[in-house]
C-alpha atoms as a PDB file:
ATOM      1  CA  MET A   1     114.005 101.118 130.671  1.00  0.00           C
ATOM      2  CA  ALA A   2     116.507 100.280 127.303  1.00  0.00           C
ATOM      3  CA  ARG A   3     113.860 101.223 124.319  1.00  0.00           C
ATOM      4  CA  LEU A   4     112.454  98.327 122.084  1.00  0.00           C
ATOM      5  CA  PRO A   5     114.167  98.076 118.464  1.00  0.00           C
ATOM      6  CA  ARG A   6     112.025  99.626 115.789  1.00  0.00           C
ATOM      7  CA  LEU A   7     108.864  96.723 114.646  1.00  0.00           C
ATOM      8  CA  CYS A   8     109.632  96.037 110.865  1.00  0.00           C
ATOM      9  CA  ILE A   9     107.828  93.064 109.912  1.00  0.00           C
ATOM     10  CA  PRO A  10     109.011  91.989 105.857  1.00  0.00           C
ATOM     11  CA  GLY A  11     105.131  91.727 103.521  1.00  0.00           C
ATOM     12  CA  TRP A  12     103.369  93.640 105.909  1.00  0.00           C
ATOM     13  CA  PRO A  13     102.171  97.428 105.275  1.00  0.00           C
ATOM     14  CA  HIS A  14     103.493 100.116 107.833  1.00  0.00           C
ATOM     15  CA  LEU A  15     102.717 103.406 108.105  1.00  0.00           C
ATOM     16  CA  LEU A  16     105.673 105.841 108.904  1.00  0.00           C
ATOM     17  CA  VAL A  17     106.022 109.557 110.180  1.00  0.00           C
ATOM     18  CA  GLN A  18     108.942 111.086 110.426  1.00  0.00           C
ATOM     19  CA  ARG A  19     109.287 115.208 111.783  1.00  0.00           C
ATOM     20  CA  GLY A  20     111.449 118.163 111.380  1.00  0.00           C
ATOM     21  CA  HIS A  21     113.857 118.697 114.018  1.00  0.00           C
ATOM     22  CA  ASP A  22     111.669 120.968 117.176  1.00  0.00           C
ATOM     23  CA  ARG A  23     108.955 120.513 114.207  1.00  0.00           C
ATOM     24  CA  ARG A  24     110.597 123.184 111.768  1.00  0.00           C
ATOM     25  CA  PRO A  25     110.314 122.978 108.226  1.00  0.00           C
ATOM     26  CA  VAL A  26     111.769 119.900 106.242  1.00  0.00           C
ATOM     27  CA  PHE A  27     110.410 121.250 102.832  1.00  0.00           C
ATOM     28  CA  VAL A  28     110.244 125.426 101.539  1.00  0.00           C
ATOM     29  CA  ASP A  29     108.663 125.155  98.228  1.00  0.00           C
ATOM     30  CA  ASP A  30     107.538 122.543  95.645  1.00  0.00           C
ATOM     31  CA  VAL A  31     110.939 121.758  94.644  1.00  0.00           C
ATOM     32  CA  ASP A  32     112.813 120.642  97.652  1.00  0.00           C
ATOM     33  CA  ARG A  33     108.589 118.561  97.433  1.00  0.00           C
ATOM     34  CA  ALA A  34     109.587 117.288  93.766  1.00  0.00           C
ATOM     35  CA  LEU A  35     113.030 116.306  94.964  1.00  0.00           C
ATOM     36  CA  TYR A  36     111.740 114.345  98.206  1.00  0.00           C
ATOM     37  CA  ARG A  37     109.142 112.250  95.861  1.00  0.00           C
ATOM     38  CA  ASP A  38     112.330 111.446  93.206  1.00  0.00           C
ATOM     39  CA  LEU A  39     114.400 110.096  96.333  1.00  0.00           C
ATOM     40  CA  LEU A  40     111.121 108.089  97.778  1.00  0.00           C
ATOM     41  CA  GLN A  41     110.452 106.935  94.271  1.00  0.00           C
ATOM     42  CA  GLU A  42     113.519 105.975  93.503  1.00  0.00           C
ATOM     43  CA  ALA A  43     115.043 104.669  96.818  1.00  0.00           C
ATOM     44  CA  ALA A  44     112.030 102.860  96.829  1.00  0.00           C
ATOM     45  CA  ALA A  45     111.881 100.592  93.556  1.00  0.00           C
ATOM     46  CA  ARG A  46     115.814  99.647  94.530  1.00  0.00           C
ATOM     47  CA  LEU A  47     115.099  98.937  97.820  1.00  0.00           C
ATOM     48  CA  GLY A  48     112.001  96.665  96.710  1.00  0.00           C
ATOM     49  CA  ILE A  49     109.382  98.931  98.965  1.00  0.00           C
ATOM     50  CA  HIS A  50     106.132  99.150  97.747  1.00  0.00           C
ATOM     51  CA  ILE A  51     104.700 102.820  98.876  1.00  0.00           C
ATOM     52  CA  HIS A  52     100.769 102.651  98.785  1.00  0.00           C
ATOM     53  CA  ALA A  53      99.923 105.987  99.765  1.00  0.00           C
ATOM     54  CA  TYR A  54     102.469 109.276 100.845  1.00  0.00           C
ATOM     55  CA  ALA A  55     102.148 112.922 102.576  1.00  0.00           C
ATOM     56  CA  LEU A  56     104.587 116.161 102.515  1.00  0.00           C
ATOM     57  CA  LEU A  57     103.748 118.418 104.453  1.00  0.00           C
ATOM     58  CA  ASP A  58     105.430 121.547 106.040  1.00  0.00           C
ATOM     59  CA  ASP A  59     107.457 119.473 108.749  1.00  0.00           C
ATOM     60  CA  GLU A  60     106.548 115.878 108.284  1.00  0.00           C
ATOM     61  CA  VAL A  61     106.874 113.481 106.047  1.00  0.00           C
ATOM     62  CA  ARG A  62     103.973 110.457 106.536  1.00  0.00           C
ATOM     63  CA  LEU A  63     104.399 107.264 104.374  1.00  0.00           C
ATOM     64  CA  LEU A  64     102.324 103.790 104.087  1.00  0.00           C
ATOM     65  CA  ALA A  65     104.847 101.287 102.301  1.00  0.00           C
ATOM     66  CA  THR A  66     105.214  97.301 102.339  1.00  0.00           C
ATOM     67  CA  PRO A  67     108.835  96.784 102.926  1.00  0.00           C
ATOM     68  CA  ALA A  68     110.145  93.466 102.179  1.00  0.00           C
ATOM     69  CA  SER A  69     112.887  92.987 104.171  1.00  0.00           C
ATOM     70  CA  ALA A  70     113.693  93.691 107.855  1.00  0.00           C
ATOM     71  CA  ASP A  71     115.166  96.664 107.043  1.00  0.00           C
ATOM     72  CA  GLY A  72     113.496  98.184 103.953  1.00  0.00           C
ATOM     73  CA  LEU A  73     111.945 101.068 106.363  1.00  0.00           C
ATOM     74  CA  SER A  74     115.442 102.387 107.477  1.00  0.00           C
ATOM     75  CA  LYS A  75     117.782 101.977 104.943  1.00  0.00           C
ATOM     76  CA  LEU A  76     114.423 104.125 102.895  1.00  0.00           C
ATOM     77  CA  VAL A  77     115.203 107.153 105.112  1.00  0.00           C
ATOM     78  CA  GLN A  78     118.451 106.821 105.549  1.00  0.00           C
ATOM     79  CA  ALA A  79     118.678 107.117 101.722  1.00  0.00           C
ATOM     80  CA  ILE A  80     116.686 109.513 101.057  1.00  0.00           C
ATOM     81  CA  GLY A  81     117.382 111.190 104.554  1.00  0.00           C
ATOM     82  CA  ARG A  82     121.547 111.856 103.394  1.00  0.00           C
ATOM     83  CA  ARG A  83     120.429 113.152  99.684  1.00  0.00           C
ATOM     84  CA  TYR A  84     117.771 115.066 100.997  1.00  0.00           C
ATOM     85  CA  VAL A  85     119.491 117.200 103.677  1.00  0.00           C
ATOM     86  CA  ILE A  86     122.357 117.957 101.955  1.00  0.00           C
ATOM     87  CA  ARG A  87     120.427 119.234  98.407  1.00  0.00           C
ATOM     88  CA  PHE A  88     117.758 120.452 101.273  1.00  0.00           C
ATOM     89  CA  ASN A  89     121.537 122.233 103.297  1.00  0.00           C
ATOM     90  CA  ARG A  90     123.344 123.686 100.193  1.00  0.00           C
ATOM     91  CA  ARG A  91     119.578 125.477  98.664  1.00  0.00           C
ATOM     92  CA  HIS A  92     118.838 126.962 101.390  1.00  0.00           C
ATOM     93  CA  ALA A  93     122.373 127.744 102.467  1.00  0.00           C
ATOM     94  CA  ARG A  94     122.066 126.274 106.360  1.00  0.00           C
ATOM     95  CA  THR A  95     123.653 124.044 108.037  1.00  0.00           C
ATOM     96  CA  GLY A  96     123.473 120.895 110.886  1.00  0.00           C
ATOM     97  CA  GLY A  97     120.655 117.721 110.679  1.00  0.00           C
ATOM     98  CA  LEU A  98     117.456 118.367 109.537  1.00  0.00           C
ATOM     99  CA  TRP A  99     114.892 115.868 111.056  1.00  0.00           C
ATOM    100  CA  GLU A 100     114.386 114.241 114.336  1.00  0.00           C
ATOM    101  CA  GLY A 101     116.378 111.458 115.610  1.00  0.00           C
ATOM    102  CA  ARG A 102     113.949 108.604 114.545  1.00  0.00           C
ATOM    103  CA  PHE A 103     110.953 108.215 112.780  1.00  0.00           C
ATOM    104  CA  ARG A 104     108.043 106.421 114.117  1.00  0.00           C
ATOM    105  CA  ALA A 105     106.394 103.541 112.643  1.00  0.00           C
ATOM    106  CA  THR A 106     104.305 100.874 113.362  1.00  0.00           C
ATOM    107  CA  VAL A 107     102.554  97.838 111.582  1.00  0.00           C
ATOM    108  CA  VAL A 108      99.366  98.116 110.006  1.00  0.00           C
ATOM    109  CA  GLU A 109      96.949  95.000 110.373  1.00  0.00           C
ATOM    110  CA  PRO A 110      95.657  95.557 106.312  1.00  0.00           C
ATOM    111  CA  GLU A 111      91.901  93.909 106.864  1.00  0.00           C
ATOM    112  CA  GLN A 112      90.804  96.668 109.657  1.00  0.00           C
ATOM    113  CA  HIS A 113      92.986  98.869 109.376  1.00  0.00           C
ATOM    114  CA  LEU A 114      94.855  99.383 105.831  1.00  0.00           C
ATOM    115  CA  LEU A 115      92.743 101.899 104.639  1.00  0.00           C
ATOM    116  CA  SER A 116      92.303 104.035 107.354  1.00  0.00           C
ATOM    117  CA  SER A 117      96.127 104.309 107.318  1.00  0.00           C
ATOM    118  CA  MET A 118      95.726 105.768 103.594  1.00  0.00           C
ATOM    119  CA  LEU A 119      93.383 108.452 105.248  1.00  0.00           C
ATOM    120  CA  PHE A 120      95.492 109.454 107.825  1.00  0.00           C
ATOM    121  CA  VAL A 121      98.286 110.026 105.887  1.00  0.00           C
ATOM    122  CA  GLU A 122      96.757 111.419 102.930  1.00  0.00           C
ATOM    123  CA  GLY A 123      94.944 114.168 105.266  1.00  0.00           C
ATOM    124  CA  ALA A 124      92.013 112.755 105.740  1.00  0.00           C
ATOM    125  CA  VAL A 125      90.960 114.006 109.457  1.00  0.00           C
ATOM    126  CA  GLY A 126      87.923 114.813 112.139  1.00  0.00           C
ATOM    127  CA  GLY A 127      86.005 117.418 109.617  1.00  0.00           C
ATOM    128  CA  ALA A 128      89.304 118.899 108.186  1.00  0.00           C
ATOM    129  CA  SER A 129      88.966 116.862 104.923  1.00  0.00           C
ATOM    130  CA  MET A 130      85.588 118.265 104.566  1.00  0.00           C
ATOM    131  CA  GLY A 131      84.985 121.122 101.565  1.00  0.00           C
ATOM    132  CA  GLN A 132      88.932 121.228 101.409  1.00  0.00           C
ATOM    133  CA  PRO A 133      91.384 120.021  98.977  1.00  0.00           C
ATOM    134  CA  PRO A 134      94.075 117.287 100.042  1.00  0.00           C
ATOM    135  CA  PRO A 135      97.389 117.832 100.244  1.00  0.00           C
ATOM    136  CA  ALA A 136      99.084 119.072  96.856  1.00  0.00           C
ATOM    137  CA  TRP A 137     101.995 117.180  97.670  1.00  0.00           C
ATOM    138  CA  SER A 138     100.447 113.603  98.564  1.00  0.00           C
ATOM    139  CA  SER A 139      99.190 110.397  96.794  1.00  0.00           C
ATOM    140  CA  ALA A 140      95.641 111.484  97.272  1.00  0.00           C
ATOM    141  CA  SER A 141      94.807 112.976  94.214  1.00  0.00           C
ATOM    142  CA  HIS A 142      96.213 109.735  92.821  1.00  0.00           C
ATOM    143  CA  HIS A 143      93.602 107.559  94.764  1.00  0.00           C
ATOM    144  CA  LEU A 144      91.023 110.292  93.728  1.00  0.00           C
ATOM    145  CA  GLY A 145      91.438 110.417  89.983  1.00  0.00           C
ATOM    146  CA  ALA A 146      93.031 113.193  89.463  1.00  0.00           C
ATOM    147  CA  ASN A 147      96.148 111.665  88.257  1.00  0.00           C
ATOM    148  CA  VAL A 148      98.603 109.077  88.450  1.00  0.00           C
ATOM    149  CA  ASP A 149     101.268 109.223  90.637  1.00  0.00           C
ATOM    150  CA  ALA A 150     103.802 106.365  89.276  1.00  0.00           C
ATOM    151  CA  THR A 151     105.331 106.020  92.567  1.00  0.00           C
ATOM    152  CA  ILE A 152     101.746 104.482  94.559  1.00  0.00           C
ATOM    153  CA  THR A 153     101.357 100.976  94.334  1.00  0.00           C
ATOM    154  CA  GLU A 154      98.014 100.414  95.134  1.00  0.00           C
ATOM    155  CA  PRO A 155      96.972  98.072  98.177  1.00  0.00           C
ATOM    156  CA  ALA A 156      94.463  94.673  98.373  1.00  0.00           C
ATOM    157  CA  GLN A 157      92.107  96.401 100.045  1.00  0.00           C
ATOM    158  CA  TYR A 158      92.157  99.585  97.689  1.00  0.00           C
ATOM    159  CA  TRP A 159      91.250  97.592  95.014  1.00  0.00           C
ATOM    160  CA  ALA A 160      88.567  96.019  96.279  1.00  0.00           C
ATOM    161  CA  LEU A 161      86.610  98.908  96.617  1.00  0.00           C
ATOM    162  CA  GLY A 162      84.772  98.228  93.340  1.00  0.00           C
ATOM    163  CA  ASN A 163      86.028  96.444  90.048  1.00  0.00           C
ATOM    164  CA  THR A 164      86.774  99.447  87.667  1.00  0.00           C
ATOM    165  CA  PRO A 165      89.439 102.553  87.588  1.00  0.00           C
ATOM    166  CA  PHE A 166      86.527 104.538  88.289  1.00  0.00           C
ATOM    167  CA  GLU A 167      84.588 103.026  91.020  1.00  0.00           C
ATOM    168  CA  ARG A 168      87.665 102.337  92.985  1.00  0.00           C
ATOM    169  CA  GLU A 169      88.035 106.653  92.669  1.00  0.00           C
ATOM    170  CA  ALA A 170      84.626 107.002  93.659  1.00  0.00           C
ATOM    171  CA  GLY A 171      84.547 104.455  97.082  1.00  0.00           C
ATOM    172  CA  TYR A 172      87.673 106.148  97.956  1.00  0.00           C
ATOM    173  CA  ARG A 173      86.260 109.366  97.632  1.00  0.00           C
ATOM    174  CA  SER A 174      83.468 108.848 100.210  1.00  0.00           C
ATOM    175  CA  LEU A 175      85.574 107.687 102.476  1.00  0.00           C
ATOM    176  CA  TYR A 176      87.749 110.504 102.118  1.00  0.00           C
ATOM    177  CA  GLN A 177      84.810 112.727 102.206  1.00  0.00           C
ATOM    178  CA  GLN A 178      83.564 111.091 105.632  1.00  0.00           C
ATOM    179  CA  ALA A 179      87.209 111.759 107.481  1.00  0.00           C
ATOM    180  CA  LEU A 180      88.648 109.782 110.469  1.00  0.00           C
ATOM    181  CA  THR A 181      86.859 109.706 113.494  1.00  0.00           C
ATOM    182  CA  GLU A 182      88.516 111.239 116.356  1.00  0.00           C
ATOM    183  CA  ALA A 183      88.981 108.011 117.772  1.00  0.00           C
ATOM    184  CA  GLN A 184      90.201 106.396 114.668  1.00  0.00           C
ATOM    185  CA  VAL A 185      92.612 109.266 114.791  1.00  0.00           C
ATOM    186  CA  ALA A 186      93.412 108.820 118.445  1.00  0.00           C
ATOM    187  CA  GLU A 187      94.017 105.080 117.861  1.00  0.00           C
ATOM    188  CA  ILE A 188      96.353 105.841 115.255  1.00  0.00           C
ATOM    189  CA  VAL A 189      98.622 108.250 116.565  1.00  0.00           C
ATOM    190  CA  ALA A 190      98.899 106.195 119.960  1.00  0.00           C
ATOM    191  CA  ALA A 191      99.976 103.207 117.598  1.00  0.00           C
ATOM    192  CA  LEU A 192     102.574 105.314 116.049  1.00  0.00           C
ATOM    193  CA  ASN A 193     104.278 106.895 119.392  1.00  0.00           C
ATOM    194  CA  ALA A 194     104.286 103.829 120.976  1.00  0.00           C
ATOM    195  CA  GLY A 195     105.537 101.332 118.383  1.00  0.00           C
ATOM    196  CA  TRP A 196     103.314  98.915 118.654  1.00  0.00           C
ATOM    197  CA  PRO A 197     100.834  97.200 115.919  1.00  0.00           C
ATOM    198  CA  LEU A 198      98.056  98.708 115.069  1.00  0.00           C
ATOM    199  CA  GLY A 199      95.248  95.721 114.959  1.00  0.00           C
ATOM    200  CA  GLY A 200      93.471  93.831 117.339  1.00  0.00           C
ATOM    201  CA  SER A 201      95.097  90.425 119.540  1.00  0.00           C
ATOM    202  CA  ARG A 202      94.538  87.832 116.890  1.00  0.00           C
ATOM    203  CA  PHE A 203      97.044  90.157 114.152  1.00  0.00           C
ATOM    204  CA  ARG A 204      99.089  90.388 116.878  1.00  0.00           C
ATOM    205  CA  GLN A 205      99.073  87.086 117.057  1.00  0.00           C
ATOM    206  CA  SER A 206      99.655  86.384 113.736  1.00  0.00           C
ATOM    207  CA  LEU A 207     103.221  88.123 114.164  1.00  0.00           C
ATOM    208  CA  GLU A 208     104.358  86.948 116.712  1.00  0.00           C
ATOM    209  CA  HIS A 209     106.281  83.642 114.830  1.00  0.00           C
ATOM    210  CA  ALA A 210     107.839  86.740 112.238  1.00  0.00           C
ATOM    211  CA  THR A 211     109.898  88.790 115.470  1.00  0.00           C
ATOM    212  CA  THR A 212     111.026  88.432 118.733  1.00  0.00           C
ATOM    213  CA  ARG A 213     110.624  92.032 119.922  1.00  0.00           C
ATOM    214  CA  ARG A 214     107.097  91.854 122.208  1.00  0.00           C
ATOM    215  CA  LEU A 215     103.887  92.485 120.574  1.00  0.00           C
ATOM    216  CA  ALA A 216     102.540  94.623 122.865  1.00  0.00           C
ATOM    217  CA  PRO A 217     103.055  96.149 126.486  1.00  0.00           C
ATOM    218  CA  LEU A 218     103.894  94.638 129.481  1.00  0.00           C
ATOM    219  CA  PRO A 219     100.952  94.755 132.116  1.00  0.00           C
ATOM    220  CA  ARG A 220     101.408  97.122 134.557  1.00  0.00           C
ATOM    221  CA  GLY A 221     102.256  97.033 138.751  1.00  0.00           C
ATOM    222  CA  ARG A 222     104.651  94.061 139.821  1.00  0.00           C
ATOM    223  CA  PRO A 223     104.103  90.706 138.553  1.00  0.00           C
ATOM    224  CA  ARG A 224     101.417  88.421 141.577  1.00  0.00           C
ATOM    225  CA  LYS A 225     103.397  86.373 143.830  1.00  0.00           C
ATOM    226  CA  SER A 226     102.926  82.581 143.491  1.00  0.00           C
ATOM    227  CA  ILE A 227     100.962  81.170 146.211  1.00  0.00           C
END
């Protein structure tokens, strides 16, 4: 069966994960991570993409972003990937590819899933975040008020957490400490792996005018015979 094209709808937030080939490290040290973040900031600004959250983990990159065009995410990954791999290989005396063949992405229903997608990106998963610092190279410190990250454009759902920066940071800190449940994580991972929208049926219906791509899996089994 032919693989469906990747779903990317302008103006809607998307959760994106790109992994290293065979889950091998794509960042060796902070120099690598600083380079990637600089390339991300530059490419996103040039392509008109708003970055809402990111995390640069040892063997993968997680992003929550809103593209301005249908090919925006692909162009972002390509623009960063070409420049980053060349410099990574040069620094670490290696050759060949670095990433898996395709990045995984899903369009996100803002009202129901945007904040949970931010928490997923920034590592507030299960009990892992309880008492643990967020990933050092992520946007979590920005949203928690530890620093200001010029890469980030805060979405409306984050602004709705409070009327002042302090209130928003406190509200997000409370969500981060609660962390996502196993069921929430499973729902996010399933949407990423399959490429279906992360949201309910009404959300999928609202996207139908914006794409010709199928937005849900076909029913299992053979079609019923008409009588």
